[in-house]
């Protein structure tokens, strides 16, 4: 995994997969905004052929990363609206 695909926060460090590394900046660009799975597939990974189930898997992985890094944010799923990165505090 390339060294550039790492996220650091308050002394904690986590390596990201290529797709997770592509997806996190997308969420950071639009905090508190909901995106449906189909919007995420079109906008975050426009060149990749991914399935909706894979979006859920990446959400789970990113939730763990946010927790490990103690970043004051969470990935929220709102039924009928989609996913959103919400900062606390």
PDB file of N, CA and C in Angstrom:
ATOM      1  N   UNK A   1       0.853  -1.178   0.000  1.00  0.00           N
ATOM      2  CA  UNK A   1       0.000   0.000   0.000  1.00  0.00           C
ATOM      3  C   UNK A   1       0.897   1.239   0.000  1.00  0.00           C
ATOM      4  N   UNK A   2       0.678   2.170  -0.917  1.00  0.00           N
ATOM      5  CA  UNK A   2       1.510   3.375  -0.973  1.00  0.00           C
ATOM      6  C   UNK A   2       1.429   4.190   0.314  1.00  0.00           C
ATOM      7  N   UNK A   3       2.564   4.799   0.661  1.00  0.00           N
ATOM      8  CA  UNK A   3       2.642   5.588   1.894  1.00  0.00           C
ATOM      9  C   UNK A   3       1.674   6.766   1.880  1.00  0.00           C
ATOM     10  N   UNK A   4       1.313   7.268   0.702  1.00  0.00           N
ATOM     11  CA  UNK A   4       0.417   8.406   0.601  1.00  0.00           C
ATOM     12  C   UNK A   4      -1.024   8.108   0.955  1.00  0.00           C
ATOM     13  N   UNK A   5      -1.353   6.835   1.114  1.00  0.00           N
ATOM     14  CA  UNK A   5      -2.737   6.454   1.438  1.00  0.00           C
ATOM     15  C   UNK A   5      -2.899   6.223   2.936  1.00  0.00           C
ATOM     16  N   UNK A   6      -2.416   7.163   3.709  1.00  0.00           N
ATOM     17  CA  UNK A   6      -2.500   7.065   5.157  1.00  0.00           C
ATOM     18  C   UNK A   6      -3.252   8.270   5.688  1.00  0.00           C
ATOM     19  N   UNK A   7      -3.982   8.047   6.770  1.00  0.00           N
ATOM     20  CA  UNK A   7      -4.689   9.134   7.438  1.00  0.00           C
ATOM     21  C   UNK A   7      -4.147   9.195   8.855  1.00  0.00           C
ATOM     22  N   UNK A   8      -3.812  10.411   9.280  1.00  0.00           N
ATOM     23  CA  UNK A   8      -3.271  10.597  10.626  1.00  0.00           C
ATOM     24  C   UNK A   8      -4.137  11.594  11.378  1.00  0.00           C
ATOM     25  N   UNK A   9      -4.315  11.312  12.662  1.00  0.00           N
ATOM     26  CA  UNK A   9      -5.057  12.232  13.524  1.00  0.00           C
ATOM     27  C   UNK A   9      -4.592  12.022  14.953  1.00  0.00           C
ATOM     28  N   UNK A  10      -4.117  13.067  15.581  1.00  0.00           N
ATOM     29  CA  UNK A  10      -3.690  13.067  16.973  1.00  0.00           C
ATOM     30  C   UNK A  10      -2.802  11.875  17.326  1.00  0.00           C
ATOM     31  N   UNK A  11      -1.785  11.650  16.515  1.00  0.00           N
ATOM     32  CA  UNK A  11      -0.823  10.595  16.791  1.00  0.00           C
ATOM     33  C   UNK A  11      -1.227   9.209  16.322  1.00  0.00           C
ATOM     34  N   UNK A  12      -2.431   9.041  15.873  1.00  0.00           N
ATOM     35  CA  UNK A  12      -2.882   7.749  15.342  1.00  0.00           C
ATOM     36  C   UNK A  12      -2.735   7.757  13.832  1.00  0.00           C
ATOM     37  N   UNK A  13      -2.473   6.591  13.268  1.00  0.00           N
ATOM     38  CA  UNK A  13      -2.181   6.474  11.849  1.00  0.00           C
ATOM     39  C   UNK A  13      -2.842   5.215  11.307  1.00  0.00           C
ATOM     40  N   UNK A  14      -3.534   5.349  10.167  1.00  0.00           N
ATOM     41  CA  UNK A  14      -4.211   4.201   9.550  1.00  0.00           C
ATOM     42  C   UNK A  14      -3.959   4.229   8.041  1.00  0.00           C
ATOM     43  N   UNK A  15      -3.672   3.052   7.485  1.00  0.00           N
ATOM     44  CA  UNK A  15      -3.518   2.910   6.034  1.00  0.00           C
ATOM     45  C   UNK A  15      -4.887   2.659   5.415  1.00  0.00           C
ATOM     46  N   UNK A  16      -5.118   3.244   4.252  1.00  0.00           N
ATOM     47  CA  UNK A  16      -6.391   3.081   3.549  1.00  0.00           C
ATOM     48  C   UNK A  16      -6.191   2.319   2.249  1.00  0.00           C
ATOM     49  N   UNK A  17      -7.215   1.578   1.854  1.00  0.00           N
ATOM     50  CA  UNK A  17      -7.202   0.974   0.527  1.00  0.00           C
ATOM     51  C   UNK A  17      -7.373   2.083  -0.512  1.00  0.00           C
ATOM     52  N   UNK A  18      -7.144   1.748  -1.756  1.00  0.00           N
ATOM     53  CA  UNK A  18      -7.272   2.750  -2.822  1.00  0.00           C
ATOM     54  C   UNK A  18      -8.682   3.337  -2.856  1.00  0.00           C
ATOM     55  N   UNK A  19      -9.692   2.483  -2.811  1.00  0.00           N
ATOM     56  CA  UNK A  19     -11.067   2.985  -2.901  1.00  0.00           C
ATOM     57  C   UNK A  19     -11.470   3.770  -1.655  1.00  0.00           C
ATOM     58  N   UNK A  20     -11.053   3.328  -0.490  1.00  0.00           N
ATOM     59  CA  UNK A  20     -11.353   4.085   0.729  1.00  0.00           C
ATOM     60  C   UNK A  20     -10.659   5.446   0.669  1.00  0.00           C
ATOM     61  N   UNK A  21      -9.446   5.457   0.135  1.00  0.00           N
ATOM     62  CA  UNK A  21      -8.702   6.707  -0.004  1.00  0.00           C
ATOM     63  C   UNK A  21      -9.384   7.654  -0.992  1.00  0.00           C
ATOM     64  N   UNK A  22     -10.031   7.127  -2.008  1.00  0.00           N
ATOM     65  CA  UNK A  22     -10.788   7.955  -2.953  1.00  0.00           C
ATOM     66  C   UNK A  22     -12.079   8.454  -2.324  1.00  0.00           C
ATOM     67  N   UNK A  23     -12.679   7.646  -1.486  1.00  0.00           N
ATOM     68  CA  UNK A  23     -13.992   7.947  -0.939  1.00  0.00           C
ATOM     69  C   UNK A  23     -13.954   8.959   0.201  1.00  0.00           C
ATOM     70  N   UNK A  24     -12.957   8.880   1.062  1.00  0.00           N
ATOM     71  CA  UNK A  24     -12.888   9.777   2.206  1.00  0.00           C
ATOM     72  C   UNK A  24     -12.834  11.251   1.804  1.00  0.00           C
ATOM     73  N   UNK A  25     -12.009  11.654   0.849  1.00  0.00           N
ATOM     74  CA  UNK A  25     -12.034  13.067   0.436  1.00  0.00           C
ATOM     75  C   UNK A  25     -13.385  13.511  -0.116  1.00  0.00           C
ATOM     76  N   UNK A  26     -14.072  12.608  -0.799  1.00  0.00           N
ATOM     77  CA  UNK A  26     -15.408  12.927  -1.304  1.00  0.00           C
ATOM     78  C   UNK A  26     -16.329  13.296  -0.143  1.00  0.00           C
ATOM     79  N   UNK A  27     -16.324  12.478   0.904  1.00  0.00           N
ATOM     80  CA  UNK A  27     -17.158  12.772   2.072  1.00  0.00           C
ATOM     81  C   UNK A  27     -16.721  14.057   2.769  1.00  0.00           C
ATOM     82  N   UNK A  28     -15.423  14.270   2.859  1.00  0.00           N
ATOM     83  CA  UNK A  28     -14.911  15.478   3.520  1.00  0.00           C
ATOM     84  C   UNK A  28     -15.273  16.748   2.751  1.00  0.00           C
ATOM     85  N   UNK A  29     -15.407  16.637   1.446  1.00  0.00           N
ATOM     86  CA  UNK A  29     -15.796  17.796   0.629  1.00  0.00           C
ATOM     87  C   UNK A  29     -17.254  18.197   0.857  1.00  0.00           C
ATOM     88  N   UNK A  30     -18.062  17.265   1.343  1.00  0.00           N
ATOM     89  CA  UNK A  30     -19.495  17.522   1.511  1.00  0.00           C
ATOM     90  C   UNK A  30     -19.993  17.085   2.894  1.00  0.00           C
ATOM     91  N   UNK A  31     -19.419  17.629   3.967  1.00  0.00           N
ATOM     92  CA  UNK A  31     -19.872  17.204   5.297  1.00  0.00           C
ATOM     93  C   UNK A  31     -21.339  17.557   5.522  1.00  0.00           C
ATOM     94  N   UNK A  32     -21.995  16.711   6.268  1.00  0.00           N
ATOM     95  CA  UNK A  32     -23.400  16.896   6.663  1.00  0.00           C
ATOM     96  C   UNK A  32     -24.377  16.812   5.489  1.00  0.00           C
ATOM     97  N   UNK A  33     -23.916  16.425   4.317  1.00  0.00           N
ATOM     98  CA  UNK A  33     -24.791  16.284   3.159  1.00  0.00           C
ATOM     99  C   UNK A  33     -25.029  14.798   2.890  1.00  0.00           C
ATOM    100  N   UNK A  34     -26.262  14.434   2.667  1.00  0.00           N
ATOM    101  CA  UNK A  34     -26.611  13.036   2.408  1.00  0.00           C
ATOM    102  C   UNK A  34     -26.450  12.695   0.931  1.00  0.00           C
ATOM    103  N   UNK A  35     -25.925  11.494   0.689  1.00  0.00           N
ATOM    104  CA  UNK A  35     -25.790  10.967  -0.663  1.00  0.00           C
ATOM    105  C   UNK A  35     -26.370   9.565  -0.701  1.00  0.00           C
ATOM    106  N   UNK A  36     -27.193   9.309  -1.690  1.00  0.00           N
ATOM    107  CA  UNK A  36     -27.721   7.959  -1.872  1.00  0.00           C
ATOM    108  C   UNK A  36     -26.594   7.058  -2.370  1.00  0.00           C
ATOM    109  N   UNK A  37     -26.816   5.776  -2.278  1.00  0.00           N
ATOM    110  CA  UNK A  37     -25.817   4.821  -2.753  1.00  0.00           C
ATOM    111  C   UNK A  37     -25.523   5.041  -4.227  1.00  0.00           C
ATOM    112  N   UNK A  38     -26.549   5.280  -5.033  1.00  0.00           N
ATOM    113  CA  UNK A  38     -26.314   5.490  -6.465  1.00  0.00           C
ATOM    114  C   UNK A  38     -25.537   6.782  -6.718  1.00  0.00           C
ATOM    115  N   UNK A  39     -25.787   7.827  -5.938  1.00  0.00           N
ATOM    116  CA  UNK A  39     -25.011   9.066  -6.083  1.00  0.00           C
ATOM    117  C   UNK A  39     -23.549   8.829  -5.718  1.00  0.00           C
ATOM    118  N   UNK A  40     -23.321   8.081  -4.666  1.00  0.00           N
ATOM    119  CA  UNK A  40     -21.949   7.777  -4.255  1.00  0.00           C
ATOM    120  C   UNK A  40     -21.239   6.991  -5.348  1.00  0.00           C
ATOM    121  N   UNK A  41     -21.913   6.009  -5.911  1.00  0.00           N
ATOM    122  CA  UNK A  41     -21.300   5.207  -6.970  1.00  0.00           C
ATOM    123  C   UNK A  41     -20.947   6.047  -8.191  1.00  0.00           C
ATOM    124  N   UNK A  42     -21.795   7.015  -8.517  1.00  0.00           N
ATOM    125  CA  UNK A  42     -21.532   7.865  -9.688  1.00  0.00           C
ATOM    126  C   UNK A  42     -20.477   8.939  -9.403  1.00  0.00           C
ATOM    127  N   UNK A  43     -20.496   9.516  -8.216  1.00  0.00           N
ATOM    128  CA  UNK A  43     -19.660  10.685  -7.944  1.00  0.00           C
ATOM    129  C   UNK A  43     -18.338  10.364  -7.253  1.00  0.00           C
ATOM    130  N   UNK A  44     -18.328   9.404  -6.343  1.00  0.00           N
ATOM    131  CA  UNK A  44     -17.097   9.098  -5.618  1.00  0.00           C
ATOM    132  C   UNK A  44     -16.193   8.155  -6.396  1.00  0.00           C
ATOM    133  N   UNK A  45     -16.789   7.219  -7.116  1.00  0.00           N
ATOM    134  CA  UNK A  45     -16.027   6.239  -7.883  1.00  0.00           C
ATOM    135  C   UNK A  45     -16.533   6.180  -9.317  1.00  0.00           C
ATOM    136  N   UNK A  46     -16.483   7.252 -10.064  1.00  0.00           N
ATOM    137  CA  UNK A  46     -17.081   7.251 -11.403  1.00  0.00           C
ATOM    138  C   UNK A  46     -16.439   6.273 -12.388  1.00  0.00           C
ATOM    139  N   UNK A  47     -15.194   5.880 -12.154  1.00  0.00           N
ATOM    140  CA  UNK A  47     -14.516   4.995 -13.096  1.00  0.00           C
ATOM    141  C   UNK A  47     -14.577   3.529 -12.710  1.00  0.00           C
ATOM    142  N   UNK A  48     -15.075   3.245 -11.533  1.00  0.00           N
ATOM    143  CA  UNK A  48     -15.104   1.871 -11.051  1.00  0.00           C
ATOM    144  C   UNK A  48     -16.509   1.280 -11.141  1.00  0.00           C
ATOM    145  N   UNK A  49     -16.556   0.016 -11.469  1.00  0.00           N
ATOM    146  CA  UNK A  49     -17.837  -0.689 -11.510  1.00  0.00           C
ATOM    147  C   UNK A  49     -18.029  -1.389 -10.164  1.00  0.00           C
ATOM    148  N   UNK A  50     -18.722  -0.732  -9.271  1.00  0.00           N
ATOM    149  CA  UNK A  50     -18.962  -1.275  -7.939  1.00  0.00           C
ATOM    150  C   UNK A  50     -20.446  -1.546  -7.740  1.00  0.00           C
ATOM    151  N   UNK A  51     -20.738  -2.417  -6.817  1.00  0.00           N
ATOM    152  CA  UNK A  51     -22.119  -2.756  -6.478  1.00  0.00           C
ATOM    153  C   UNK A  51     -22.547  -1.993  -5.227  1.00  0.00           C
ATOM    154  N   UNK A  52     -23.846  -1.754  -5.057  1.00  0.00           N
ATOM    155  CA  UNK A  52     -24.336  -1.046  -3.862  1.00  0.00           C
ATOM    156  C   UNK A  52     -23.875  -1.680  -2.548  1.00  0.00           C
ATOM    157  N   UNK A  53     -23.759  -3.014  -2.510  1.00  0.00           N
ATOM    158  CA  UNK A  53     -23.310  -3.677  -1.292  1.00  0.00           C
ATOM    159  C   UNK A  53     -21.899  -3.239  -0.914  1.00  0.00           C
ATOM    160  N   UNK A  54     -21.095  -2.940  -1.922  1.00  0.00           N
ATOM    161  CA  UNK A  54     -19.727  -2.517  -1.657  1.00  0.00           C
ATOM    162  C   UNK A  54     -19.683  -1.141  -0.986  1.00  0.00           C
ATOM    163  N   UNK A  55     -20.633  -0.281  -1.293  1.00  0.00           N
ATOM    164  CA  UNK A  55     -20.703   1.019  -0.622  1.00  0.00           C
ATOM    165  C   UNK A  55     -20.918   0.792   0.872  1.00  0.00           C
ATOM    166  N   UNK A  56     -21.820  -0.095   1.212  1.00  0.00           N
ATOM    167  CA  UNK A  56     -22.059  -0.400   2.633  1.00  0.00           C
ATOM    168  C   UNK A  56     -20.798  -0.946   3.291  1.00  0.00           C
ATOM    169  N   UNK A  57     -20.073  -1.798   2.585  1.00  0.00           N
ATOM    170  CA  UNK A  57     -18.824  -2.337   3.133  1.00  0.00           C
ATOM    171  C   UNK A  57     -17.801  -1.231   3.382  1.00  0.00           C
ATOM    172  N   UNK A  58     -17.672  -0.319   2.438  1.00  0.00           N
ATOM    173  CA  UNK A  58     -16.718   0.786   2.629  1.00  0.00           C
ATOM    174  C   UNK A  58     -17.168   1.709   3.748  1.00  0.00           C
ATOM    175  N   UNK A  59     -18.449   1.874   3.918  1.00  0.00           N
ATOM    176  CA  UNK A  59     -18.959   2.680   5.034  1.00  0.00           C
ATOM    177  C   UNK A  59     -18.566   2.045   6.364  1.00  0.00           C
ATOM    178  N   UNK A  60     -18.732   0.740   6.462  1.00  0.00           N
ATOM    179  CA  UNK A  60     -18.341   0.039   7.689  1.00  0.00           C
ATOM    180  C   UNK A  60     -16.851   0.221   7.961  1.00  0.00           C
ATOM    181  N   UNK A  61     -16.046   0.071   6.931  1.00  0.00           N
ATOM    182  CA  UNK A  61     -14.592   0.215   7.097  1.00  0.00           C
ATOM    183  C   UNK A  61     -14.223   1.631   7.520  1.00  0.00           C
ATOM    184  N   UNK A  62     -14.838   2.615   6.884  1.00  0.00           N
ATOM    185  CA  UNK A  62     -14.522   4.004   7.237  1.00  0.00           C
ATOM    186  C   UNK A  62     -15.016   4.357   8.637  1.00  0.00           C
ATOM    187  N   UNK A  63     -16.108   3.777   9.057  1.00  0.00           N
ATOM    188  CA  UNK A  63     -16.568   3.994  10.441  1.00  0.00           C
ATOM    189  C   UNK A  63     -15.516   3.503  11.434  1.00  0.00           C
ATOM    190  N   UNK A  64     -14.947   2.344  11.156  1.00  0.00           N
ATOM    191  CA  UNK A  64     -13.899   1.803  12.026  1.00  0.00           C
ATOM    192  C   UNK A  64     -12.673   2.707  12.023  1.00  0.00           C
ATOM    193  N   UNK A  65     -12.318   3.217  10.859  1.00  0.00           N
ATOM    194  CA  UNK A  65     -11.155   4.103  10.754  1.00  0.00           C
ATOM    195  C   UNK A  65     -11.383   5.378  11.547  1.00  0.00           C
ATOM    196  N   UNK A  66     -12.561   5.972  11.424  1.00  0.00           N
ATOM    197  CA  UNK A  66     -12.867   7.179  12.194  1.00  0.00           C
ATOM    198  C   UNK A  66     -12.776   6.896  13.690  1.00  0.00           C
ATOM    199  N   UNK A  67     -13.226   5.724  14.090  1.00  0.00           N
ATOM    200  CA  UNK A  67     -13.180   5.344  15.501  1.00  0.00           C
ATOM    201  C   UNK A  67     -11.734   5.146  15.969  1.00  0.00           C
ATOM    202  N   UNK A  68     -10.949   4.408  15.197  1.00  0.00           N
ATOM    203  CA  UNK A  68      -9.548   4.152  15.557  1.00  0.00           C
ATOM    204  C   UNK A  68      -8.770   5.463  15.670  1.00  0.00           C
ATOM    205  N   UNK A  69      -9.031   6.382  14.768  1.00  0.00           N
ATOM    206  CA  UNK A  69      -8.317   7.654  14.768  1.00  0.00           C
ATOM    207  C   UNK A  69      -8.889   8.666  15.757  1.00  0.00           C
ATOM    208  N   UNK A  70     -10.009   8.321  16.371  1.00  0.00           N
ATOM    209  CA  UNK A  70     -10.688   9.217  17.322  1.00  0.00           C
ATOM    210  C   UNK A  70     -11.034  10.556  16.670  1.00  0.00           C
ATOM    211  N   UNK A  71     -11.458  10.491  15.412  1.00  0.00           N
ATOM    212  CA  UNK A  71     -11.892  11.699  14.694  1.00  0.00           C
ATOM    213  C   UNK A  71     -13.322  12.001  15.147  1.00  0.00           C
ATOM    214  N   UNK A  72     -13.595  13.243  15.525  1.00  0.00           N
ATOM    215  CA  UNK A  72     -14.930  13.581  16.033  1.00  0.00           C
ATOM    216  C   UNK A  72     -15.968  13.698  14.914  1.00  0.00           C
ATOM    217  N   UNK A  73     -16.180  12.575  14.238  1.00  0.00           N
ATOM    218  CA  UNK A  73     -17.146  12.528  13.133  1.00  0.00           C
ATOM    219  C   UNK A  73     -17.684  11.118  13.050  1.00  0.00           C
ATOM    220  N   UNK A  74     -18.844  10.997  12.435  1.00  0.00           N
ATOM    221  CA  UNK A  74     -19.397   9.667  12.217  1.00  0.00           C
ATOM    222  C   UNK A  74     -20.089   9.613  10.864  1.00  0.00           C
ATOM    223  N   UNK A  75     -20.105   8.422  10.311  1.00  0.00           N
ATOM    224  CA  UNK A  75     -20.826   8.185   9.066  1.00  0.00           C
ATOM    225  C   UNK A  75     -22.222   7.726   9.436  1.00  0.00           C
ATOM    226  N   UNK A  76     -23.191   8.495   9.025  1.00  0.00           N
ATOM    227  CA  UNK A  76     -24.572   8.253   9.395  1.00  0.00           C
ATOM    228  C   UNK A  76     -25.341   7.788   8.169  1.00  0.00           C
ATOM    229  N   UNK A  77     -26.215   6.803   8.376  1.00  0.00           N
ATOM    230  CA  UNK A  77     -27.123   6.382   7.315  1.00  0.00           C
ATOM    231  C   UNK A  77     -28.522   6.819   7.707  1.00  0.00           C
ATOM    232  N   UNK A  78     -29.139   7.621   6.865  1.00  0.00           N
ATOM    233  CA  UNK A  78     -30.509   8.072   7.096  1.00  0.00           C
ATOM    234  C   UNK A  78     -31.407   7.355   6.092  1.00  0.00           C
ATOM    235  N   UNK A  79     -32.312   6.564   6.610  1.00  0.00           N
ATOM    236  CA  UNK A  79     -33.197   5.776   5.761  1.00  0.00           C
ATOM    237  C   UNK A  79     -33.931   6.675   4.760  1.00  0.00           C
ATOM    238  N   UNK A  80     -33.862   6.286   3.510  1.00  0.00           N
ATOM    239  CA  UNK A  80     -34.537   7.024   2.452  1.00  0.00           C
ATOM    240  C   UNK A  80     -33.757   8.233   1.941  1.00  0.00           C
ATOM    241  N   UNK A  81     -32.643   8.574   2.605  1.00  0.00           N
ATOM    242  CA  UNK A  81     -31.853   9.733   2.174  1.00  0.00           C
ATOM    243  C   UNK A  81     -30.447   9.339   1.730  1.00  0.00           C
ATOM    244  N   UNK A  82     -29.778   8.511   2.527  1.00  0.00           N
ATOM    245  CA  UNK A  82     -28.439   8.071   2.174  1.00  0.00           C
ATOM    246  C   UNK A  82     -27.453   8.232   3.313  1.00  0.00           C
ATOM    247  N   UNK A  83     -26.200   8.366   2.934  1.00  0.00           N
ATOM    248  CA  UNK A  83     -25.100   8.438   3.878  1.00  0.00           C
ATOM    249  C   UNK A  83     -24.582   9.864   3.996  1.00  0.00           C
ATOM    250  N   UNK A  84     -24.099  10.182   5.196  1.00  0.00           N
ATOM    251  CA  UNK A  84     -23.584  11.511   5.443  1.00  0.00           C
ATOM    252  C   UNK A  84     -22.454  11.443   6.466  1.00  0.00           C
ATOM    253  N   UNK A  85     -21.430  12.267   6.272  1.00  0.00           N
ATOM    254  CA  UNK A  85     -20.356  12.415   7.254  1.00  0.00           C
ATOM    255  C   UNK A  85     -20.731  13.584   8.146  1.00  0.00           C
ATOM    256  N   UNK A  86     -20.926  13.303   9.422  1.00  0.00           N
ATOM    257  CA  UNK A  86     -21.389  14.330  10.368  1.00  0.00           C
ATOM    258  C   UNK A  86     -20.310  14.544  11.422  1.00  0.00           C
ATOM    259  N   UNK A  87     -19.879  15.782  11.548  1.00  0.00           N
ATOM    260  CA  UNK A  87     -18.883  16.126  12.565  1.00  0.00           C
ATOM    261  C   UNK A  87     -19.575  16.457  13.866  1.00  0.00           C
ATOM    262  N   UNK A  88     -18.992  16.005  14.961  1.00  0.00           N
ATOM    263  CA  UNK A  88     -19.524  16.282  16.299  1.00  0.00           C
ATOM    264  C   UNK A  88     -18.806  17.467  16.902  1.00  0.00           C
ATOM    265  N   UNK A  89     -19.484  18.062  17.858  1.00  0.00           N
ATOM    266  CA  UNK A  89     -18.852  19.118  18.640  1.00  0.00           C
ATOM    267  C   UNK A  89     -18.904  20.393  18.005  1.00  0.00           C
TER     268      UNK A  89
END
